Amino acid sequence: MAALALTSPILGPPRVDWPAAAEVFRARNRGGYSGDEVTAIVWAYCTFAPTVVLDPLVPLSQLALETGWLSSWWSAPGRHNPAGIGVTGEPGAGVIFPSWLDSVRAHMGRLIAYAHKPGQDSPRQALLVAEALSWRSLPLDRRGIAPRVGDLAGRWAADRRYGEGLVRMSAAIVAGI
């Protein structure tokens, strides 16, 4: 398994397997989640992402970076926000998801929306993107602007070094540390 690089495509084959990734997340400060709950969250990403041709290491790296390995207020039980979706720094701004299944699907669909322009999606990807954008819209001019990990910097998040953070998190996940 190889860690992400800034030039790594968001869409592609898996670079990580769920048992190893789950072990890394379980070993961290995981907020109010049990080891079994963390395993289920990581399993959802690693199992579902390949069905829409999304490398699960990308959203897992975002999950680690955005939530401090599931220890953030936004990712806590009852909010389930895995990647700062809608979190802008304004009081109360951010999407609260009723379950991790909803948030995992929204997270992955949103990544596909950033990676693909409309019309490039497979039917399965198009359905997931539509579901994701029902939680939080994405202007049409943002679709397809981030096909690679480094392209998410300044776009998914305002941080111009965001891609570098994803690369670091992916290295930790792949190394098992």
C-alpha atoms as a PDB file:
ATOM      1  CA  MET A   1       0.000   0.000   0.000  1.00  0.00           C
ATOM      2  CA  ALA A   2       1.206   3.462  -0.863  1.00  0.00           C
ATOM      3  CA  ALA A   3       0.359   6.742   0.798  1.00  0.00           C
ATOM      4  CA  LEU A   4      -1.248   9.539  -1.151  1.00  0.00           C
ATOM      5  CA  ALA A   5       0.746  12.170  -3.015  1.00  0.00           C
ATOM      6  CA  LEU A   6      -0.503  15.603  -4.025  1.00  0.00           C
ATOM      7  CA  THR A   7      -0.827  14.240  -7.573  1.00  0.00           C
ATOM      8  CA  SER A   8      -2.795  11.142  -6.543  1.00  0.00           C
ATOM      9  CA  PRO A   9      -6.205  10.896  -8.192  1.00  0.00           C
ATOM     10  CA  ILE A  10      -9.214  10.986  -5.891  1.00  0.00           C
ATOM     11  CA  LEU A  11     -10.962   8.377  -7.986  1.00  0.00           C
ATOM     12  CA  GLY A  12      -9.241   5.048  -8.415  1.00  0.00           C
ATOM     13  CA  PRO A  13      -8.556   1.679  -6.846  1.00  0.00           C
ATOM     14  CA  PRO A  14      -8.207   1.258  -3.069  1.00  0.00           C
ATOM     15  CA  ARG A  15      -4.806   1.921  -1.503  1.00  0.00           C
ATOM     16  CA  VAL A  16      -5.792   0.644   1.947  1.00  0.00           C
ATOM     17  CA  ASP A  17      -7.708  -2.261   3.444  1.00  0.00           C
ATOM     18  CA  TRP A  18     -10.215  -1.744   6.190  1.00  0.00           C
ATOM     19  CA  PRO A  19      -8.786  -3.971   8.955  1.00  0.00           C
ATOM     20  CA  ALA A  20      -5.467  -2.111   8.897  1.00  0.00           C
ATOM     21  CA  ALA A  21      -7.104   1.315   8.604  1.00  0.00           C
ATOM     22  CA  ALA A  22      -9.584   0.522  11.384  1.00  0.00           C
ATOM     23  CA  GLU A  23      -6.729  -0.492  13.681  1.00  0.00           C
ATOM     24  CA  VAL A  24      -5.024   2.881  13.130  1.00  0.00           C
ATOM     25  CA  PHE A  25      -8.233   4.804  13.882  1.00  0.00           C
ATOM     26  CA  ARG A  26      -8.992   2.653  16.946  1.00  0.00           C
ATOM     27  CA  ALA A  27      -5.528   3.370  18.357  1.00  0.00           C
ATOM     28  CA  ARG A  28      -6.176   7.133  18.362  1.00  0.00           C
ATOM     29  CA  ASN A  29      -8.192   9.435  20.597  1.00  0.00           C
ATOM     30  CA  ARG A  30     -11.554   8.696  19.005  1.00  0.00           C
ATOM     31  CA  GLY A  31     -13.844  10.947  20.985  1.00  0.00           C
ATOM     32  CA  GLY A  32     -16.949   9.199  22.254  1.00  0.00           C
ATOM     33  CA  TYR A  33     -16.757   6.217  19.904  1.00  0.00           C
ATOM     34  CA  SER A  34     -16.098   2.626  20.913  1.00  0.00           C
ATOM     35  CA  GLY A  35     -13.597   0.519  19.027  1.00  0.00           C
ATOM     36  CA  ASP A  36     -16.465  -1.357  17.365  1.00  0.00           C
ATOM     37  CA  GLU A  37     -18.092   1.896  16.246  1.00  0.00           C
ATOM     38  CA  VAL A  38     -14.800   3.122  14.768  1.00  0.00           C
ATOM     39  CA  THR A  39     -14.360  -0.194  12.968  1.00  0.00           C
ATOM     40  CA  ALA A  40     -17.870   0.139  11.497  1.00  0.00           C
ATOM     41  CA  ILE A  41     -17.183   3.689  10.271  1.00  0.00           C
ATOM     42  CA  VAL A  42     -13.909   2.705   8.594  1.00  0.00           C
ATOM     43  CA  TRP A  43     -15.526  -0.451   7.184  1.00  0.00           C
ATOM     44  CA  ALA A  44     -18.276   1.674   5.589  1.00  0.00           C
ATOM     45  CA  TYR A  45     -15.694   3.808   3.777  1.00  0.00           C
ATOM     46  CA  CYS A  46     -13.515   0.886   2.693  1.00  0.00           C
ATOM     47  CA  THR A  47     -16.433  -1.251   1.553  1.00  0.00           C
ATOM     48  CA  PHE A  48     -18.553   1.332  -0.223  1.00  0.00           C
ATOM     49  CA  ALA A  49     -15.882   3.607  -1.782  1.00  0.00           C
ATOM     50  CA  PRO A  50     -14.621   1.035  -4.310  1.00  0.00           C
ATOM     51  CA  THR A  51     -18.185   0.518  -5.601  1.00  0.00           C
ATOM     52  CA  VAL A  52     -18.094   4.123  -6.861  1.00  0.00           C
ATOM     53  CA  VAL A  53     -14.413   3.979  -7.933  1.00  0.00           C
ATOM     54  CA  LEU A  54     -13.294   6.186  -5.045  1.00  0.00           C
ATOM     55  CA  ASP A  55     -10.003   5.419  -3.329  1.00  0.00           C
ATOM     56  CA  PRO A  56     -11.065   5.016   0.340  1.00  0.00           C
ATOM     57  CA  LEU A  57      -7.709   6.361   1.513  1.00  0.00           C
ATOM     58  CA  VAL A  58      -8.777   9.844   0.360  1.00  0.00           C
ATOM     59  CA  PRO A  59     -11.923  10.171   2.516  1.00  0.00           C
ATOM     60  CA  LEU A  60     -10.247   8.324   5.408  1.00  0.00           C
ATOM     61  CA  SER A  61      -7.365  10.816   5.286  1.00  0.00           C
ATOM     62  CA  GLN A  62      -9.909  13.652   5.307  1.00  0.00           C
ATOM     63  CA  LEU A  63     -11.729  12.013   8.209  1.00  0.00           C
ATOM     64  CA  ALA A  64      -8.475  11.866  10.190  1.00  0.00           C
ATOM     65  CA  LEU A  65      -7.432  15.420   9.315  1.00  0.00           C
ATOM     66  CA  GLU A  66     -10.804  17.137   9.639  1.00  0.00           C
ATOM     67  CA  THR A  67     -11.894  15.408  12.855  1.00  0.00           C
ATOM     68  CA  GLY A  68      -8.631  14.738  14.686  1.00  0.00           C
ATOM     69  CA  TRP A  69      -9.203  10.991  14.281  1.00  0.00           C
ATOM     70  CA  LEU A  70     -12.906  11.310  15.269  1.00  0.00           C
ATOM     71  CA  SER A  71     -12.262  13.451  18.350  1.00  0.00           C
ATOM     72  CA  SER A  72     -13.769  16.736  17.085  1.00  0.00           C
ATOM     73  CA  TRP A  73     -17.037  18.300  18.159  1.00  0.00           C
ATOM     74  CA  TRP A  74     -18.460  18.078  14.619  1.00  0.00           C
ATOM     75  CA  SER A  75     -17.746  14.356  14.298  1.00  0.00           C
ATOM     76  CA  ALA A  76     -19.063  13.495  17.760  1.00  0.00           C
ATOM     77  CA  PRO A  77     -22.057  11.211  18.253  1.00  0.00           C
ATOM     78  CA  GLY A  78     -25.197  13.068  17.259  1.00  0.00           C
ATOM     79  CA  ARG A  79     -23.452  15.202  14.609  1.00  0.00           C
ATOM     80  CA  HIS A  80     -21.499  12.604  12.559  1.00  0.00           C
ATOM     81  CA  ASN A  81     -19.815  15.183  10.304  1.00  0.00           C
ATOM     82  CA  PRO A  82     -16.744  13.434   8.881  1.00  0.00           C
ATOM     83  CA  ALA A  83     -15.088  16.161   6.851  1.00  0.00           C
ATOM     84  CA  GLY A  84     -16.205  19.612   7.893  1.00  0.00           C
ATOM     85  CA  ILE A  85     -19.110  19.578   5.452  1.00  0.00           C
ATOM     86  CA  GLY A  86     -20.681  23.022   5.721  1.00  0.00           C
ATOM     87  CA  VAL A  87     -18.423  24.026   8.617  1.00  0.00           C
ATOM     88  CA  THR A  88     -17.348  27.565   7.817  1.00  0.00           C
ATOM     89  CA  GLY A  89     -16.375  28.967  11.186  1.00  0.00           C
ATOM     90  CA  GLU A  90     -19.679  30.805  11.511  1.00  0.00           C
ATOM     91  CA  PRO A  91     -21.561  29.862  14.697  1.00  0.00           C
ATOM     92  CA  GLY A  92     -23.810  26.890  14.032  1.00  0.00           C
ATOM     93  CA  ALA A  93     -22.692  26.488  10.397  1.00  0.00           C
ATOM     94  CA  GLY A  94     -22.209  22.851   9.464  1.00  0.00           C
ATOM     95  CA  VAL A  95     -24.198  19.811   8.453  1.00  0.00           C
ATOM     96  CA  ILE A  96     -25.459  17.477  11.167  1.00  0.00           C
ATOM     97  CA  PHE A  97     -26.079  13.971   9.846  1.00  0.00           C
ATOM     98  CA  PRO A  98     -28.523  11.568  11.520  1.00  0.00           C
ATOM     99  CA  SER A  99     -26.162   8.595  11.102  1.00  0.00           C
ATOM    100  CA  TRP A 100     -22.700   7.620   9.987  1.00  0.00           C
ATOM    101  CA  LEU A 101     -24.138   5.850   6.964  1.00  0.00           C
ATOM    102  CA  ASP A 102     -25.678   9.137   5.799  1.00  0.00           C
ATOM    103  CA  SER A 103     -22.480  11.076   6.446  1.00  0.00           C
ATOM    104  CA  VAL A 104     -20.165   8.541   4.801  1.00  0.00           C
ATOM    105  CA  ARG A 105     -22.343   8.547   1.680  1.00  0.00           C
ATOM    106  CA  ALA A 106     -22.528  12.369   1.651  1.00  0.00           C
ATOM    107  CA  HIS A 107     -18.776  12.664   2.128  1.00  0.00           C
ATOM    108  CA  MET A 108     -17.991  10.277  -0.707  1.00  0.00           C
ATOM    109  CA  GLY A 109     -20.549  11.809  -3.070  1.00  0.00           C
ATOM    110  CA  ARG A 110     -19.166  15.260  -2.395  1.00  0.00           C
ATOM    111  CA  LEU A 111     -15.632  14.074  -3.187  1.00  0.00           C
ATOM    112  CA  ILE A 112     -16.867  12.646  -6.478  1.00  0.00           C
ATOM    113  CA  ALA A 113     -18.559  15.987  -7.235  1.00  0.00           C
ATOM    114  CA  TYR A 114     -15.249  17.776  -6.708  1.00  0.00           C
ATOM    115  CA  ALA A 115     -13.416  15.205  -8.864  1.00  0.00           C
ATOM    116  CA  HIS A 116     -15.882  14.997 -11.787  1.00  0.00           C
ATOM    117  CA  LYS A 117     -17.679  17.522 -13.918  1.00  0.00           C
ATOM    118  CA  PRO A 118     -21.389  16.826 -14.443  1.00  0.00           C
ATOM    119  CA  GLY A 119     -21.842  14.147 -17.072  1.00  0.00           C
ATOM    120  CA  GLN A 120     -18.588  12.351 -16.199  1.00  0.00           C
ATOM    121  CA  ASP A 121     -20.153  10.309 -13.405  1.00  0.00           C
ATOM    122  CA  SER A 122     -21.210   6.701 -13.769  1.00  0.00           C
ATOM    123  CA  PRO A 123     -24.885   6.120 -12.939  1.00  0.00           C
ATOM    124  CA  ARG A 124     -23.945   4.945  -9.437  1.00  0.00           C
ATOM    125  CA  GLN A 125     -21.681   7.943  -8.900  1.00  0.00           C
ATOM    126  CA  ALA A 126     -24.383  10.318 -10.187  1.00  0.00           C
ATOM    127  CA  LEU A 127     -26.883   8.965  -7.663  1.00  0.00           C
ATOM    128  CA  LEU A 128     -24.392   9.349  -4.822  1.00  0.00           C
ATOM    129  CA  VAL A 129     -23.488  12.889  -5.903  1.00  0.00           C
ATOM    130  CA  ALA A 130     -27.176  13.859  -6.023  1.00  0.00           C
ATOM    131  CA  GLU A 131     -27.677  12.427  -2.539  1.00  0.00           C
ATOM    132  CA  ALA A 132     -24.609  14.247  -1.217  1.00  0.00           C
ATOM    133  CA  LEU A 133     -25.589  17.567  -2.724  1.00  0.00           C
ATOM    134  CA  SER A 134     -29.053  17.293  -1.197  1.00  0.00           C
ATOM    135  CA  TRP A 135     -27.330  17.714   2.185  1.00  0.00           C
ATOM    136  CA  ARG A 136     -25.259  20.706   1.061  1.00  0.00           C
ATOM    137  CA  SER A 137     -25.279  22.135  -2.436  1.00  0.00           C
ATOM    138  CA  LEU A 138     -22.160  22.705  -4.500  1.00  0.00           C
ATOM    139  CA  PRO A 139     -22.045  25.470  -7.110  1.00  0.00           C
ATOM    140  CA  LEU A 140     -21.765  24.089 -10.624  1.00  0.00           C
ATOM    141  CA  ASP A 141     -18.467  25.885 -11.188  1.00  0.00           C
ATOM    142  CA  ARG A 142     -16.959  23.825  -8.329  1.00  0.00           C
ATOM    143  CA  ARG A 143     -17.799  20.494  -9.969  1.00  0.00           C
ATOM    144  CA  GLY A 144     -14.727  18.758 -11.355  1.00  0.00           C
ATOM    145  CA  ILE A 145     -12.193  21.278 -10.021  1.00  0.00           C
ATOM    146  CA  ALA A 146     -10.330  18.772  -7.840  1.00  0.00           C
ATOM    147  CA  PRO A 147      -9.518  15.490  -9.568  1.00  0.00           C
ATOM    148  CA  ARG A 148      -6.288  15.099  -7.538  1.00  0.00           C
ATOM    149  CA  VAL A 149      -5.587  15.238  -3.805  1.00  0.00           C
ATOM    150  CA  GLY A 150      -3.585  18.460  -4.042  1.00  0.00           C
ATOM    151  CA  ASP A 151      -6.450  20.152  -5.896  1.00  0.00           C
ATOM    152  CA  LEU A 152      -8.591  20.037  -2.733  1.00  0.00           C
ATOM    153  CA  ALA A 153      -6.390  22.729  -1.140  1.00  0.00           C
ATOM    154  CA  GLY A 154      -8.176  26.061  -1.175  1.00  0.00           C
ATOM    155  CA  ARG A 155     -11.277  24.390  -2.559  1.00  0.00           C
ATOM    156  CA  TRP A 156     -12.618  21.753  -0.149  1.00  0.00           C
ATOM    157  CA  ALA A 157     -10.993  23.696   2.656  1.00  0.00           C
ATOM    158  CA  ALA A 158      -9.658  27.252   2.652  1.00  0.00           C
ATOM    159  CA  ASP A 159      -6.242  26.007   3.807  1.00  0.00           C
ATOM    160  CA  ARG A 160      -3.772  26.221   0.904  1.00  0.00           C
ATOM    161  CA  ARG A 161      -1.762  23.377   2.501  1.00  0.00           C
ATOM    162  CA  TYR A 162      -4.781  21.105   2.912  1.00  0.00           C
ATOM    163  CA  GLY A 163      -3.461  18.579   0.391  1.00  0.00           C
ATOM    164  CA  GLU A 164      -0.220  18.268   2.343  1.00  0.00           C
ATOM    165  CA  GLY A 165      -2.239  17.470   5.465  1.00  0.00           C
ATOM    166  CA  LEU A 166      -4.078  14.727   3.580  1.00  0.00           C
ATOM    167  CA  VAL A 167      -0.768  13.287   2.376  1.00  0.00           C
ATOM    168  CA  ARG A 168       0.533  13.224   6.000  1.00  0.00           C
ATOM    169  CA  MET A 169      -2.621  11.545   7.302  1.00  0.00           C
ATOM    170  CA  SER A 170      -2.553   8.963   4.523  1.00  0.00           C
ATOM    171  CA  ALA A 171       1.056   8.130   5.372  1.00  0.00           C
ATOM    172  CA  ALA A 172       0.077   7.529   9.006  1.00  0.00           C
ATOM    173  CA  ILE A 173      -2.837   5.307   7.970  1.00  0.00           C
ATOM    174  CA  VAL A 174      -0.733   3.279   5.529  1.00  0.00           C
ATOM    175  CA  ALA A 175       2.169   2.967   7.994  1.00  0.00           C
ATOM    176  CA  GLY A 176      -0.203   1.859  10.724  1.00  0.00           C
ATOM    177  CA  ILE A 177       0.855   4.596  13.155  1.00  0.00           C
END
